[in-house]
Amino acid sequence: REDEEARPMVDPVAVKPGVLQFGGWSLGSARLEMLCQAPGAVEHCKRCDLSSNRIEDRSVPILCNKLLPRAESLNLSNNSIGQMGIRYFEQSLRKIAMSPLLELNLQGNRLGSPFGSSMA
């Protein structure tokens, strides 16, 4: 029973259609991929908060395939997305001619220095 108490609980009353609210759940890439592949889990998602979930570069392709075609807001702050993941986002957004994405929060990821590796 201790394991059940440690997991966050979803209040079905607080869940809104088109909103995926998993900020701070520490899902990790493996659980995130299972969530994205579950039937009906993300198909109608317009606003998605996946902040603070230990998401890595390897999860970016599934996020792009499942969420970018329909999401208006995507919060991926405070994860472990690096430069490879950002390149994949960029390529995916270029391929989706009419992406509805208005907000993409990548603050607090491993994106590197805007000044290159020569800056200390």
C-alpha atoms as a PDB file:
ATOM      1  CA  ARG A   1       0.000   0.000   0.000  1.00  0.00           C
ATOM      2  CA  GLU A   2       2.943   2.358   0.516  1.00  0.00           C
ATOM      3  CA  ASP A   3       3.661   2.186  -3.237  1.00  0.00           C
ATOM      4  CA  GLU A   4       0.119   3.357  -4.037  1.00  0.00           C
ATOM      5  CA  GLU A   5       0.434   6.283  -1.636  1.00  0.00           C
ATOM      6  CA  ALA A   6       3.726   7.405  -3.231  1.00  0.00           C
ATOM      7  CA  ARG A   7       2.231   7.678  -6.734  1.00  0.00           C
ATOM      8  CA  PRO A   8       0.368  10.849  -7.686  1.00  0.00           C
ATOM      9  CA  MET A   9      -3.338  10.320  -8.111  1.00  0.00           C
ATOM     10  CA  VAL A  10      -5.371  11.713 -10.988  1.00  0.00           C
ATOM     11  CA  ASP A  11      -8.560  13.440  -9.964  1.00  0.00           C
ATOM     12  CA  PRO A  12     -11.009  12.636 -12.780  1.00  0.00           C
ATOM     13  CA  VAL A  13     -12.967  15.802 -12.004  1.00  0.00           C
ATOM     14  CA  ALA A  14      -9.857  17.955 -12.579  1.00  0.00           C
ATOM     15  CA  VAL A  15      -9.070  16.365 -15.951  1.00  0.00           C
ATOM     16  CA  LYS A  16     -10.213  18.514 -18.857  1.00  0.00           C
ATOM     17  CA  PRO A  17     -10.730  17.289 -22.411  1.00  0.00           C
ATOM     18  CA  GLY A  18      -7.732  18.150 -24.565  1.00  0.00           C
ATOM     19  CA  VAL A  19      -5.445  18.726 -21.560  1.00  0.00           C
ATOM     20  CA  LEU A  20      -2.645  16.377 -20.547  1.00  0.00           C
ATOM     21  CA  GLN A  21      -1.385  17.403 -17.098  1.00  0.00           C
ATOM     22  CA  PHE A  22       1.556  15.252 -15.998  1.00  0.00           C
ATOM     23  CA  GLY A  23       3.960  17.959 -14.785  1.00  0.00           C
ATOM     24  CA  GLY A  24       6.283  16.769 -12.013  1.00  0.00           C
ATOM     25  CA  TRP A  25       5.449  13.064 -12.243  1.00  0.00           C
ATOM     26  CA  SER A  26       9.041  11.987 -13.064  1.00  0.00           C
ATOM     27  CA  LEU A  27       7.723   9.587 -15.698  1.00  0.00           C
ATOM     28  CA  GLY A  28      11.042   9.125 -17.451  1.00  0.00           C
ATOM     29  CA  SER A  29      11.366   8.296 -21.122  1.00  0.00           C
ATOM     30  CA  ALA A  30      10.167   4.681 -20.902  1.00  0.00           C
ATOM     31  CA  ARG A  31       6.879   5.507 -19.128  1.00  0.00           C
ATOM     32  CA  LEU A  32       6.310   8.532 -21.343  1.00  0.00           C
ATOM     33  CA  GLU A  33       6.625   6.344 -24.429  1.00  0.00           C
ATOM     34  CA  MET A  34       4.099   3.880 -22.963  1.00  0.00           C
ATOM     35  CA  LEU A  35       1.716   6.773 -22.246  1.00  0.00           C
ATOM     36  CA  CYS A  36       2.028   8.129 -25.797  1.00  0.00           C
ATOM     37  CA  GLN A  37       1.379   4.681 -27.282  1.00  0.00           C
ATOM     38  CA  ALA A  38      -1.702   3.979 -25.139  1.00  0.00           C
ATOM     39  CA  PRO A  39      -4.874   4.196 -27.272  1.00  0.00           C
ATOM     40  CA  GLY A  40      -6.714   7.464 -26.695  1.00  0.00           C
ATOM     41  CA  ALA A  41      -4.106   8.913 -24.332  1.00  0.00           C
ATOM     42  CA  VAL A  42      -2.873  11.841 -26.443  1.00  0.00           C
ATOM     43  CA  GLU A  43      -4.960  11.875 -29.639  1.00  0.00           C
ATOM     44  CA  HIS A  44      -7.010  14.943 -28.665  1.00  0.00           C
ATOM     45  CA  CYS A  45      -4.395  16.745 -26.584  1.00  0.00           C
ATOM     46  CA  LYS A  46      -4.212  20.505 -27.216  1.00  0.00           C
ATOM     47  CA  ARG A  47      -2.417  21.580 -24.035  1.00  0.00           C
ATOM     48  CA  CYS A  48       0.272  19.319 -22.629  1.00  0.00           C
ATOM     49  CA  ASP A  49       2.358  19.746 -19.480  1.00  0.00           C
ATOM     50  CA  LEU A  50       5.152  17.195 -19.299  1.00  0.00           C
ATOM     51  CA  SER A  51       7.521  19.361 -17.249  1.00  0.00           C
ATOM     52  CA  SER A  52       9.901  17.761 -14.728  1.00  0.00           C
ATOM     53  CA  ASN A  53       9.556  14.231 -16.078  1.00  0.00           C
ATOM     54  CA  ARG A  54      13.187  13.250 -16.823  1.00  0.00           C
ATOM     55  CA  ILE A  55      12.377  13.121 -20.565  1.00  0.00           C
ATOM     56  CA  GLU A  56      15.450  12.462 -22.712  1.00  0.00           C
ATOM     57  CA  ASP A  57      16.334  12.978 -26.383  1.00  0.00           C
ATOM     58  CA  ARG A  58      15.222   9.440 -27.250  1.00  0.00           C
ATOM     59  CA  SER A  59      11.591  10.388 -26.436  1.00  0.00           C
ATOM     60  CA  VAL A  60      11.483  13.449 -28.680  1.00  0.00           C
ATOM     61  CA  PRO A  61      10.526  11.544 -31.881  1.00  0.00           C
ATOM     62  CA  ILE A  62       7.428  10.013 -30.276  1.00  0.00           C
ATOM     63  CA  LEU A  63       6.482  13.389 -28.783  1.00  0.00           C
ATOM     64  CA  CYS A  64       6.825  14.992 -32.194  1.00  0.00           C
ATOM     65  CA  ASN A  65       4.800  12.274 -33.911  1.00  0.00           C
ATOM     66  CA  LYS A  66       2.014  12.125 -31.327  1.00  0.00           C
ATOM     67  CA  LEU A  67       1.749  15.708 -30.033  1.00  0.00           C
ATOM     68  CA  LEU A  68       3.119  18.232 -32.536  1.00  0.00           C
ATOM     69  CA  PRO A  69       0.407  17.694 -35.172  1.00  0.00           C
ATOM     70  CA  ARG A  70      -2.328  18.774 -32.714  1.00  0.00           C
ATOM     71  CA  ALA A  71      -0.834  20.489 -29.628  1.00  0.00           C
ATOM     72  CA  GLU A  72      -1.179  24.241 -29.176  1.00  0.00           C
ATOM     73  CA  SER A  73       0.906  24.351 -25.987  1.00  0.00           C
ATOM     74  CA  LEU A  74       3.685  21.943 -25.006  1.00  0.00           C
ATOM     75  CA  ASN A  75       5.552  22.387 -21.711  1.00  0.00           C
ATOM     76  CA  LEU A  76       8.701  20.260 -21.616  1.00  0.00           C
ATOM     77  CA  SER A  77      10.598  22.405 -19.121  1.00  0.00           C
ATOM     78  CA  ASN A  78      13.021  20.912 -16.603  1.00  0.00           C
ATOM     79  CA  ASN A  79      13.667  17.641 -18.410  1.00  0.00           C
ATOM     80  CA  SER A  80      16.847  16.162 -19.916  1.00  0.00           C
ATOM     81  CA  ILE A  81      16.344  17.124 -23.549  1.00  0.00           C
ATOM     82  CA  GLY A  82      19.614  18.003 -25.274  1.00  0.00           C
ATOM     83  CA  GLN A  83      20.746  19.360 -28.615  1.00  0.00           C
ATOM     84  CA  MET A  84      19.810  16.185 -30.506  1.00  0.00           C
ATOM     85  CA  GLY A  85      16.241  16.474 -29.240  1.00  0.00           C
ATOM     86  CA  ILE A  86      16.063  20.137 -30.205  1.00  0.00           C
ATOM     87  CA  ARG A  87      17.279  19.333 -33.727  1.00  0.00           C
ATOM     88  CA  TYR A  88      14.531  16.730 -34.031  1.00  0.00           C
ATOM     89  CA  PHE A  89      11.917  19.278 -32.877  1.00  0.00           C
ATOM     90  CA  GLU A  90      13.182  21.741 -35.467  1.00  0.00           C
ATOM     91  CA  GLN A  91      13.068  19.171 -38.285  1.00  0.00           C
ATOM     92  CA  SER A  92       9.599  17.996 -37.265  1.00  0.00           C
ATOM     93  CA  LEU A  93       8.180  21.512 -37.104  1.00  0.00           C
ATOM     94  CA  ARG A  94       9.532  22.229 -40.586  1.00  0.00           C
ATOM     95  CA  LYS A  95       7.760  19.111 -41.924  1.00  0.00           C
ATOM     96  CA  ILE A  96       4.402  19.979 -40.332  1.00  0.00           C
ATOM     97  CA  ALA A  97       3.181  22.778 -42.581  1.00  0.00           C
ATOM     98  CA  MET A  98       0.228  23.840 -40.432  1.00  0.00           C
ATOM     99  CA  SER A  99       1.288  22.992 -36.876  1.00  0.00           C
ATOM    100  CA  PRO A 100      -1.090  24.545 -34.324  1.00  0.00           C
ATOM    101  CA  LEU A 101       1.797  24.888 -31.821  1.00  0.00           C
ATOM    102  CA  LEU A 102       1.808  28.356 -30.235  1.00  0.00           C
ATOM    103  CA  GLU A 103       3.885  27.660 -27.110  1.00  0.00           C
ATOM    104  CA  LEU A 104       6.889  25.378 -26.615  1.00  0.00           C
ATOM    105  CA  ASN A 105       8.622  25.634 -23.231  1.00  0.00           C
ATOM    106  CA  LEU A 106      12.066  24.002 -23.139  1.00  0.00           C
ATOM    107  CA  GLN A 107      13.486  25.994 -20.213  1.00  0.00           C
ATOM    108  CA  GLY A 108      15.746  24.045 -17.862  1.00  0.00           C
ATOM    109  CA  ASN A 109      16.846  21.356 -20.345  1.00  0.00           C
ATOM    110  CA  ARG A 110      20.377  20.437 -21.459  1.00  0.00           C
ATOM    111  CA  LEU A 111      20.397  22.726 -24.482  1.00  0.00           C
ATOM    112  CA  GLY A 112      23.947  24.024 -24.092  1.00  0.00           C
ATOM    113  CA  SER A 113      25.279  27.541 -24.026  1.00  0.00           C
ATOM    114  CA  PRO A 114      23.916  30.027 -26.573  1.00  0.00           C
ATOM    115  CA  PHE A 115      27.532  31.197 -26.974  1.00  0.00           C
ATOM    116  CA  GLY A 116      29.009  27.831 -27.909  1.00  0.00           C
ATOM    117  CA  SER A 117      31.478  25.648 -26.075  1.00  0.00           C
ATOM    118  CA  SER A 118      34.194  28.326 -25.873  1.00  0.00           C
ATOM    119  CA  MET A 119      32.359  30.276 -23.171  1.00  0.00           C
ATOM    120  CA  ALA A 120      32.986  29.255 -19.563  1.00  0.00           C
END
